[in-house]
Amino acid sequence: MAKTKAKAATRLGRDSQPKYLGVKIFEGQKVKSGMIIIRQRGTKFLPGRNVRRGKDDTLYAVKEGVVKFGTKGKIRFDRSRKRAKVVYVE
C-alpha cells in the first residue's frame, strides 16, 4: 500500500517566463528620449509624432516631452476603415 495518494504530473520546469507587455508610461506623464512608452506584440498602438517603433513593436520616445494618446482613421488594403490608437510625445 502506498503511504500517499498519487499526485498530478508536474510541468517539469517548462513554463515560459512572463513578457511584461503593456503601457509603461500613461498620458500626461513626462518622458525623456529613449524611454519605452508601450511594449506590445503587433501594432495595437501606432507611433505618432516623436515616437518610433522598435523591431519587437515596442514604442519609445525620440524627444523629451509629455505623452498624449489619440485616434486616427486608417484605411486597410481592402478599402475598409479602421480607428487606430496613436501615441504622441509633445
PDB file of N, CA and C in Angstrom:
ATOM      1  N   MET A   1       0.839  -1.190   0.000  1.00  0.00           N
ATOM      2  CA  MET A   1       0.000   0.000   0.000  1.00  0.00           C
ATOM      3  C   MET A   1       0.881   1.251   0.000  1.00  0.00           C
ATOM      4  N   ALA A   2       0.462   2.219  -0.834  1.00  0.00           N
ATOM      5  CA  ALA A   2       1.181   3.483  -0.866  1.00  0.00           C
ATOM      6  C   ALA A   2       0.809   4.327   0.344  1.00  0.00           C
ATOM      7  N   LYS A   3       1.786   5.047   0.866  1.00  0.00           N
ATOM      8  CA  LYS A   3       1.528   5.894   2.035  1.00  0.00           C
ATOM      9  C   LYS A   3       0.724   7.130   1.649  1.00  0.00           C
ATOM     10  N   THR A   4       1.013   7.726   0.433  1.00  0.00           N
ATOM     11  CA  THR A   4       0.276   8.900  -0.041  1.00  0.00           C
ATOM     12  C   THR A   4      -0.406   8.577  -1.357  1.00  0.00           C
ATOM     13  N   LYS A   5      -1.461   9.353  -1.660  1.00  0.00           N
ATOM     14  CA  LYS A   5      -2.166   9.153  -2.930  1.00  0.00           C
ATOM     15  C   LYS A   5      -1.300   9.680  -4.076  1.00  0.00           C
ATOM     16  N   ALA A   6      -1.572   9.188  -5.273  1.00  0.00           N
ATOM     17  CA  ALA A   6      -0.832   9.653  -6.450  1.00  0.00           C
ATOM     18  C   ALA A   6      -1.160  11.113  -6.724  1.00  0.00           C
ATOM     19  N   LYS A   7      -0.171  11.883  -7.158  1.00  0.00           N
ATOM     20  CA  LYS A   7      -0.363  13.308  -7.424  1.00  0.00           C
ATOM     21  C   LYS A   7      -0.328  13.558  -8.931  1.00  0.00           C
ATOM     22  N   ALA A   8      -0.770  14.760  -9.319  1.00  0.00           N
ATOM     23  CA  ALA A   8      -0.785  15.142 -10.738  1.00  0.00           C
ATOM     24  C   ALA A   8       0.647  15.301 -11.247  1.00  0.00           C
ATOM     25  N   ALA A   9       0.833  15.117 -12.525  1.00  0.00           N
ATOM     26  CA  ALA A   9       2.152  15.244 -13.142  1.00  0.00           C
ATOM     27  C   ALA A   9       2.636  16.686 -13.053  1.00  0.00           C
ATOM     28  N   THR A  10       3.909  16.874 -12.872  1.00  0.00           N
ATOM     29  CA  THR A  10       4.469  18.227 -12.795  1.00  0.00           C
ATOM     30  C   THR A  10       4.732  18.744 -14.205  1.00  0.00           C
ATOM     31  N   ARG A  11       4.957  20.039 -14.281  1.00  0.00           N
ATOM     32  CA  ARG A  11       5.268  20.638 -15.588  1.00  0.00           C
ATOM     33  C   ARG A  11       6.743  20.506 -15.924  1.00  0.00           C
ATOM     34  N   LEU A  12       7.539  20.085 -14.982  1.00  0.00           N
ATOM     35  CA  LEU A  12       8.970  19.828 -15.179  1.00  0.00           C
ATOM     36  C   LEU A  12       9.738  21.060 -15.656  1.00  0.00           C
ATOM     37  N   GLY A  13       9.368  22.227 -15.157  1.00  0.00           N
ATOM     38  CA  GLY A  13      10.131  23.439 -15.433  1.00  0.00           C
ATOM     39  C   GLY A  13      10.008  23.978 -16.839  1.00  0.00           C
ATOM     40  N   ARG A  14       8.954  23.617 -17.572  1.00  0.00           N
ATOM     41  CA  ARG A  14       8.829  24.110 -18.939  1.00  0.00           C
ATOM     42  C   ARG A  14       7.845  25.267 -19.055  1.00  0.00           C
ATOM     43  N   ASP A  15       7.564  25.959 -17.980  1.00  0.00           N
ATOM     44  CA  ASP A  15       6.646  27.090 -18.010  1.00  0.00           C
ATOM     45  C   ASP A  15       7.396  28.324 -18.509  1.00  0.00           C
ATOM     46  N   SER A  16       6.809  29.065 -19.456  1.00  0.00           N
ATOM     47  CA  SER A  16       7.508  30.213 -20.035  1.00  0.00           C
ATOM     48  C   SER A  16       7.469  31.413 -19.087  1.00  0.00           C
ATOM     49  N   GLN A  17       8.452  32.283 -19.243  1.00  0.00           N
ATOM     50  CA  GLN A  17       8.552  33.475 -18.408  1.00  0.00           C
ATOM     51  C   GLN A  17       7.548  34.527 -18.874  1.00  0.00           C
ATOM     52  N   PRO A  18       7.026  35.371 -17.962  1.00  0.00           N
ATOM     53  CA  PRO A  18       6.101  36.440 -18.351  1.00  0.00           C
ATOM     54  C   PRO A  18       6.827  37.498 -19.176  1.00  0.00           C
ATOM     55  N   LYS A  19       6.111  38.122 -20.102  1.00  0.00           N
ATOM     56  CA  LYS A  19       6.738  39.070 -21.027  1.00  0.00           C
ATOM     57  C   LYS A  19       6.592  40.533 -20.614  1.00  0.00           C
ATOM     58  N   TYR A  20       5.771  40.834 -19.600  1.00  0.00           N
ATOM     59  CA  TYR A  20       5.606  42.184 -19.070  1.00  0.00           C
ATOM     60  C   TYR A  20       5.241  43.196 -20.152  1.00  0.00           C
ATOM     61  N   LEU A  21       4.221  42.877 -20.948  1.00  0.00           N
ATOM     62  CA  LEU A  21       3.773  43.774 -22.007  1.00  0.00           C
ATOM     63  C   LEU A  21       2.797  44.806 -21.453  1.00  0.00           C
ATOM     64  N   GLY A  22       2.533  45.855 -22.235  1.00  0.00           N
ATOM     65  CA  GLY A  22       1.524  46.843 -21.857  1.00  0.00           C
ATOM     66  C   GLY A  22       2.061  48.257 -21.868  1.00  0.00           C
ATOM     67  N   VAL A  23       1.198  49.185 -21.438  1.00  0.00           N
ATOM     68  CA  VAL A  23       1.548  50.604 -21.392  1.00  0.00           C
ATOM     69  C   VAL A  23       2.423  50.845 -20.171  1.00  0.00           C
ATOM     70  N   LYS A  24       3.587  51.424 -20.373  1.00  0.00           N
ATOM     71  CA  LYS A  24       4.530  51.692 -19.290  1.00  0.00           C
ATOM     72  C   LYS A  24       4.442  53.141 -18.804  1.00  0.00           C
ATOM     73  N   ILE A  25       4.139  54.065 -19.709  1.00  0.00           N
ATOM     74  CA  ILE A  25       4.018  55.478 -19.355  1.00  0.00           C
ATOM     75  C   ILE A  25       2.672  55.963 -19.878  1.00  0.00           C
ATOM     76  N   PHE A  26       1.854  56.530 -18.989  1.00  0.00           N
ATOM     77  CA  PHE A  26       0.494  56.906 -19.337  1.00  0.00           C
ATOM     78  C   PHE A  26       0.399  58.361 -19.780  1.00  0.00           C
ATOM     79  N   GLU A  27      -0.788  58.753 -20.285  1.00  0.00           N
ATOM     80  CA  GLU A  27      -0.993  60.100 -20.812  1.00  0.00           C
ATOM     81  C   GLU A  27      -0.751  61.145 -19.734  1.00  0.00           C
ATOM     82  N   GLY A  28      -0.040  62.218 -20.130  1.00  0.00           N
ATOM     83  CA  GLY A  28       0.244  63.307 -19.202  1.00  0.00           C
ATOM     84  C   GLY A  28       1.571  63.162 -18.478  1.00  0.00           C
ATOM     85  N   GLN A  29       2.190  61.988 -18.542  1.00  0.00           N
ATOM     86  CA  GLN A  29       3.471  61.801 -17.871  1.00  0.00           C
ATOM     87  C   GLN A  29       4.617  62.263 -18.772  1.00  0.00           C
ATOM     88  N   LYS A  30       5.686  62.718 -18.156  1.00  0.00           N
ATOM     89  CA  LYS A  30       6.854  63.211 -18.897  1.00  0.00           C
ATOM     90  C   LYS A  30       7.755  62.046 -19.284  1.00  0.00           C
ATOM     91  N   VAL A  31       8.371  62.162 -20.462  1.00  0.00           N
ATOM     92  CA  VAL A  31       9.333  61.154 -20.915  1.00  0.00           C
ATOM     93  C   VAL A  31      10.599  61.836 -21.392  1.00  0.00           C
ATOM     94  N   LYS A  32      11.683  61.094 -21.321  1.00  0.00           N
ATOM     95  CA  LYS A  32      12.948  61.535 -21.896  1.00  0.00           C
ATOM     96  C   LYS A  32      13.192  60.722 -23.154  1.00  0.00           C
ATOM     97  N   SER A  33      14.111  61.151 -23.945  1.00  0.00           N
ATOM     98  CA  SER A  33      14.430  60.463 -25.190  1.00  0.00           C
ATOM     99  C   SER A  33      14.923  59.043 -24.912  1.00  0.00           C
ATOM    100  N   GLY A  34      14.361  58.064 -25.616  1.00  0.00           N
ATOM    101  CA  GLY A  34      14.762  56.671 -25.465  1.00  0.00           C
ATOM    102  C   GLY A  34      13.927  55.875 -24.481  1.00  0.00           C
ATOM    103  N   MET A  35      13.051  56.529 -23.725  1.00  0.00           N
ATOM    104  CA  MET A  35      12.229  55.818 -22.746  1.00  0.00           C
ATOM    105  C   MET A  35      11.123  55.021 -23.441  1.00  0.00           C
ATOM    106  N   ILE A  36      10.876  53.817 -22.946  1.00  0.00           N
ATOM    107  CA  ILE A  36       9.850  52.948 -23.514  1.00  0.00           C
ATOM    108  C   ILE A  36       8.483  53.413 -23.036  1.00  0.00           C
ATOM    109  N   ILE A  37       7.557  53.591 -23.992  1.00  0.00           N
ATOM    110  CA  ILE A  37       6.200  54.019 -23.665  1.00  0.00           C
ATOM    111  C   ILE A  37       5.270  52.801 -23.613  1.00  0.00           C
ATOM    112  N   ILE A  38       5.341  51.939 -24.641  1.00  0.00           N
ATOM    113  CA  ILE A  38       4.475  50.757 -24.711  1.00  0.00           C
ATOM    114  C   ILE A  38       5.282  49.567 -25.213  1.00  0.00           C
ATOM    115  N   ARG A  39       5.112  48.402 -24.542  1.00  0.00           N
ATOM    116  CA  ARG A  39       5.651  47.143 -25.045  1.00  0.00           C
ATOM    117  C   ARG A  39       4.463  46.336 -25.537  1.00  0.00           C
ATOM    118  N   GLN A  40       4.510  45.881 -26.786  1.00  0.00           N
ATOM    119  CA  GLN A  40       3.362  45.215 -27.389  1.00  0.00           C
ATOM    120  C   GLN A  40       3.791  44.164 -28.395  1.00  0.00           C
ATOM    121  N   ARG A  41       2.868  43.291 -28.729  1.00  0.00           N
ATOM    122  CA  ARG A  41       3.049  42.325 -29.822  1.00  0.00           C
ATOM    123  C   ARG A  41       2.108  42.748 -30.934  1.00  0.00           C
ATOM    124  N   GLY A  42       2.650  43.022 -32.109  1.00  0.00           N
ATOM    125  CA  GLY A  42       1.829  43.574 -33.185  1.00  0.00           C
ATOM    126  C   GLY A  42       1.706  45.075 -33.002  1.00  0.00           C
ATOM    127  N   THR A  43       0.850  45.710 -33.803  1.00  0.00           N
ATOM    128  CA  THR A  43       0.714  47.171 -33.734  1.00  0.00           C
ATOM    129  C   THR A  43      -0.661  47.547 -33.207  1.00  0.00           C
ATOM    130  N   LYS A  44      -0.912  47.266 -31.941  1.00  0.00           N
ATOM    131  CA  LYS A  44      -2.156  47.682 -31.296  1.00  0.00           C
ATOM    132  C   LYS A  44      -2.179  49.204 -31.194  1.00  0.00           C
ATOM    133  N   PHE A  45      -1.017  49.804 -30.877  1.00  0.00           N
ATOM    134  CA  PHE A  45      -0.841  51.255 -30.870  1.00  0.00           C
ATOM    135  C   PHE A  45       0.146  51.605 -31.979  1.00  0.00           C
ATOM    136  N   LEU A  46      -0.109  52.716 -32.664  1.00  0.00           N
ATOM    137  CA  LEU A  46       0.785  53.172 -33.733  1.00  0.00           C
ATOM    138  C   LEU A  46       1.617  54.350 -33.244  1.00  0.00           C
ATOM    139  N   PRO A  47       2.840  54.518 -33.760  1.00  0.00           N
ATOM    140  CA  PRO A  47       3.665  55.662 -33.360  1.00  0.00           C
ATOM    141  C   PRO A  47       3.215  56.944 -34.045  1.00  0.00           C
ATOM    142  N   GLY A  48       3.178  58.039 -33.292  1.00  0.00           N
ATOM    143  CA  GLY A  48       2.845  59.357 -33.827  1.00  0.00           C
ATOM    144  C   GLY A  48       4.087  60.231 -33.833  1.00  0.00           C
ATOM    145  N   ARG A  49       3.872  61.553 -33.602  1.00  0.00           N
ATOM    146  CA  ARG A  49       4.997  62.500 -33.577  1.00  0.00           C
ATOM    147  C   ARG A  49       5.957  62.181 -32.438  1.00  0.00           C
ATOM    148  N   ASN A  50       7.241  62.199 -32.741  1.00  0.00           N
ATOM    149  CA  ASN A  50       8.337  61.998 -31.774  1.00  0.00           C
ATOM    150  C   ASN A  50       8.302  60.629 -31.100  1.00  0.00           C
ATOM    151  N   VAL A  51       7.684  59.650 -31.741  1.00  0.00           N
ATOM    152  CA  VAL A  51       7.646  58.273 -31.234  1.00  0.00           C
ATOM    153  C   VAL A  51       8.087  57.356 -32.366  1.00  0.00           C
ATOM    154  N   ARG A  52       8.904  56.355 -32.048  1.00  0.00           N
ATOM    155  CA  ARG A  52       9.361  55.381 -33.040  1.00  0.00           C
ATOM    156  C   ARG A  52       8.977  53.976 -32.581  1.00  0.00           C
ATOM    157  N   ARG A  53       8.987  53.041 -33.542  1.00  0.00           N
ATOM    158  CA  ARG A  53       8.656  51.650 -33.261  1.00  0.00           C
ATOM    159  C   ARG A  53       9.904  50.796 -33.391  1.00  0.00           C
ATOM    160  N   GLY A  54      10.198  49.986 -32.373  1.00  0.00           N
ATOM    161  CA  GLY A  54      11.344  49.085 -32.394  1.00  0.00           C
ATOM    162  C   GLY A  54      11.035  47.819 -33.172  1.00  0.00           C
ATOM    163  N   LYS A  55      12.018  46.954 -33.327  1.00  0.00           N
ATOM    164  CA  LYS A  55      11.831  45.743 -34.130  1.00  0.00           C
ATOM    165  C   LYS A  55      10.872  44.750 -33.489  1.00  0.00           C
ATOM    166  N   ASP A  56      10.674  44.839 -32.168  1.00  0.00           N
ATOM    167  CA  ASP A  56       9.694  43.969 -31.498  1.00  0.00           C
ATOM    168  C   ASP A  56       8.390  44.722 -31.232  1.00  0.00           C
ATOM    169  N   ASP A  57       8.112  45.788 -32.020  1.00  0.00           N
ATOM    170  CA  ASP A  57       6.898  46.616 -31.965  1.00  0.00           C
ATOM    171  C   ASP A  57       6.802  47.477 -30.714  1.00  0.00           C
ATOM    172  N   THR A  58       7.882  47.607 -29.959  1.00  0.00           N
ATOM    173  CA  THR A  58       7.908  48.481 -28.784  1.00  0.00           C
ATOM    174  C   THR A  58       7.905  49.937 -29.245  1.00  0.00           C
ATOM    175  N   LEU A  59       7.090  50.772 -28.606  1.00  0.00           N
ATOM    176  CA  LEU A  59       7.060  52.201 -28.921  1.00  0.00           C
ATOM    177  C   LEU A  59       7.910  52.946 -27.895  1.00  0.00           C
ATOM    178  N   TYR A  60       8.799  53.823 -28.384  1.00  0.00           N
ATOM    179  CA  TYR A  60       9.679  54.580 -27.493  1.00  0.00           C
ATOM    180  C   TYR A  60       9.760  56.028 -27.953  1.00  0.00           C
ATOM    181  N   ALA A  61      10.095  56.913 -27.023  1.00  0.00           N
ATOM    182  CA  ALA A  61      10.168  58.349 -27.293  1.00  0.00           C
ATOM    183  C   ALA A  61      11.477  58.700 -27.989  1.00  0.00           C
ATOM    184  N   VAL A  62      11.397  59.654 -28.910  1.00  0.00           N
ATOM    185  CA  VAL A  62      12.583  60.141 -29.608  1.00  0.00           C
ATOM    186  C   VAL A  62      13.026  61.476 -29.016  1.00  0.00           C
ATOM    187  N   LYS A  63      12.041  62.265 -28.529  1.00  0.00           N
ATOM    188  CA  LYS A  63      12.339  63.560 -27.919  1.00  0.00           C
ATOM    189  C   LYS A  63      11.759  63.615 -26.514  1.00  0.00           C
ATOM    190  N   GLU A  64      12.238  64.564 -25.740  1.00  0.00           N
ATOM    191  CA  GLU A  64      11.709  64.786 -24.400  1.00  0.00           C
ATOM    192  C   GLU A  64      10.377  65.515 -24.506  1.00  0.00           C
ATOM    193  N   GLY A  65       9.412  65.158 -23.667  1.00  0.00           N
ATOM    194  CA  GLY A  65       8.113  65.823 -23.700  1.00  0.00           C
ATOM    195  C   GLY A  65       7.080  65.095 -22.862  1.00  0.00           C
ATOM    196  N   VAL A  66       5.795  65.329 -23.184  1.00  0.00           N
ATOM    197  CA  VAL A  66       4.663  64.751 -22.466  1.00  0.00           C
ATOM    198  C   VAL A  66       3.926  63.800 -23.395  1.00  0.00           C
ATOM    199  N   VAL A  67       3.526  62.645 -22.882  1.00  0.00           N
ATOM    200  CA  VAL A  67       2.857  61.612 -23.682  1.00  0.00           C
ATOM    201  C   VAL A  67       1.388  61.965 -23.878  1.00  0.00           C
ATOM    202  N   LYS A  68       0.900  61.820 -25.114  1.00  0.00           N
ATOM    203  CA  LYS A  68      -0.509  62.027 -25.462  1.00  0.00           C
ATOM    204  C   LYS A  68      -0.989  60.824 -26.258  1.00  0.00           C
ATOM    205  N   PHE A  69      -2.252  60.441 -26.061  1.00  0.00           N
ATOM    206  CA  PHE A  69      -2.866  59.362 -26.828  1.00  0.00           C
ATOM    207  C   PHE A  69      -3.984  59.954 -27.674  1.00  0.00           C
ATOM    208  N   GLY A  70      -4.201  59.382 -28.849  1.00  0.00           N
ATOM    209  CA  GLY A  70      -5.270  59.842 -29.720  1.00  0.00           C
ATOM    210  C   GLY A  70      -5.694  58.736 -30.664  1.00  0.00           C
ATOM    211  N   THR A  71      -6.653  59.056 -31.542  1.00  0.00           N
ATOM    212  CA  THR A  71      -7.091  58.095 -32.550  1.00  0.00           C
ATOM    213  C   THR A  71      -6.918  58.702 -33.925  1.00  0.00           C
ATOM    214  N   LYS A  72      -6.842  57.829 -34.908  1.00  0.00           N
ATOM    215  CA  LYS A  72      -6.600  58.253 -36.279  1.00  0.00           C
ATOM    216  C   LYS A  72      -7.344  57.296 -37.199  1.00  0.00           C
ATOM    217  N   GLY A  73      -7.948  57.815 -38.259  1.00  0.00           N
ATOM    218  CA  GLY A  73      -8.619  56.957 -39.236  1.00  0.00           C
ATOM    219  C   GLY A  73      -7.606  56.310 -40.153  1.00  0.00           C
ATOM    220  N   LYS A  74      -7.700  55.005 -40.316  1.00  0.00           N
ATOM    221  CA  LYS A  74      -6.743  54.262 -41.131  1.00  0.00           C
ATOM    222  C   LYS A  74      -7.524  53.476 -42.182  1.00  0.00           C
ATOM    223  N   ILE A  75      -7.049  53.466 -43.422  1.00  0.00           N
ATOM    224  CA  ILE A  75      -7.694  52.692 -44.487  1.00  0.00           C
ATOM    225  C   ILE A  75      -6.888  51.422 -44.715  1.00  0.00           C
ATOM    226  N   ARG A  76      -7.561  50.271 -44.655  1.00  0.00           N
ATOM    227  CA  ARG A  76      -6.903  48.987 -44.856  1.00  0.00           C
ATOM    228  C   ARG A  76      -6.751  48.689 -46.340  1.00  0.00           C
ATOM    229  N   PHE A  77      -6.085  47.559 -46.646  1.00  0.00           N
ATOM    230  CA  PHE A  77      -5.837  47.184 -48.035  1.00  0.00           C
ATOM    231  C   PHE A  77      -7.121  46.835 -48.776  1.00  0.00           C
ATOM    232  N   ASP A  78      -8.140  46.371 -48.061  1.00  0.00           N
ATOM    233  CA  ASP A  78      -9.412  46.039 -48.714  1.00  0.00           C
ATOM    234  C   ASP A  78     -10.362  47.242 -48.726  1.00  0.00           C
ATOM    235  N   ARG A  79      -9.828  48.440 -48.533  1.00  0.00           N
ATOM    236  CA  ARG A  79     -10.525  49.721 -48.576  1.00  0.00           C
ATOM    237  C   ARG A  79     -11.483  49.940 -47.400  1.00  0.00           C
ATOM    238  N   SER A  80     -11.490  49.048 -46.400  1.00  0.00           N
ATOM    239  CA  SER A  80     -12.320  49.260 -45.219  1.00  0.00           C
ATOM    240  C   SER A  80     -11.593  50.206 -44.266  1.00  0.00           C
ATOM    241  N   ARG A  81     -12.354  50.845 -43.389  1.00  0.00           N
ATOM    242  CA  ARG A  81     -11.776  51.826 -42.470  1.00  0.00           C
ATOM    243  C   ARG A  81     -11.628  51.251 -41.074  1.00  0.00           C
ATOM    244  N   LYS A  82     -10.632  51.767 -40.359  1.00  0.00           N
ATOM    245  CA  LYS A  82     -10.343  51.302 -39.002  1.00  0.00           C
ATOM    246  C   LYS A  82      -9.916  52.516 -38.172  1.00  0.00           C
ATOM    247  N   ARG A  83     -10.325  52.543 -36.905  1.00  0.00           N
ATOM    248  CA  ARG A  83      -9.871  53.570 -35.985  1.00  0.00           C
ATOM    249  C   ARG A  83      -8.628  53.035 -35.274  1.00  0.00           C
ATOM    250  N   ALA A  84      -7.508  53.700 -35.474  1.00  0.00           N
ATOM    251  CA  ALA A  84      -6.242  53.238 -34.890  1.00  0.00           C
ATOM    252  C   ALA A  84      -5.868  54.143 -33.704  1.00  0.00           C
ATOM    253  N   LYS A  85      -5.313  53.540 -32.644  1.00  0.00           N
ATOM    254  CA  LYS A  85      -4.834  54.300 -31.487  1.00  0.00           C
ATOM    255  C   LYS A  85      -3.387  54.737 -31.752  1.00  0.00           C
ATOM    256  N   VAL A  86      -3.124  56.014 -31.520  1.00  0.00           N
ATOM    257  CA  VAL A  86      -1.816  56.596 -31.829  1.00  0.00           C
ATOM    258  C   VAL A  86      -1.224  57.221 -30.562  1.00  0.00           C
ATOM    259  N   VAL A  87       0.104  57.125 -30.412  1.00  0.00           N
ATOM    260  CA  VAL A  87       0.811  57.701 -29.263  1.00  0.00           C
ATOM    261  C   VAL A  87       1.717  58.827 -29.767  1.00  0.00           C
ATOM    262  N   TYR A  88       1.615  59.999 -29.119  1.00  0.00           N
ATOM    263  CA  TYR A  88       2.426  61.166 -29.461  1.00  0.00           C
ATOM    264  C   TYR A  88       3.266  61.577 -28.268  1.00  0.00           C
ATOM    265  N   VAL A  89       4.350  62.303 -28.550  1.00  0.00           N
ATOM    266  CA  VAL A  89       5.107  62.993 -27.495  1.00  0.00           C
ATOM    267  C   VAL A  89       5.196  64.447 -27.924  1.00  0.00           C
ATOM    268  N   GLU A  90       4.685  65.336 -27.082  1.00  0.00           N
ATOM    269  CA  GLU A  90       4.695  66.772 -27.407  1.00  0.00           C
ATOM    270  C   GLU A  90       5.505  67.540 -26.385  1.00  0.00           C
TER     271      GLU A  90
END
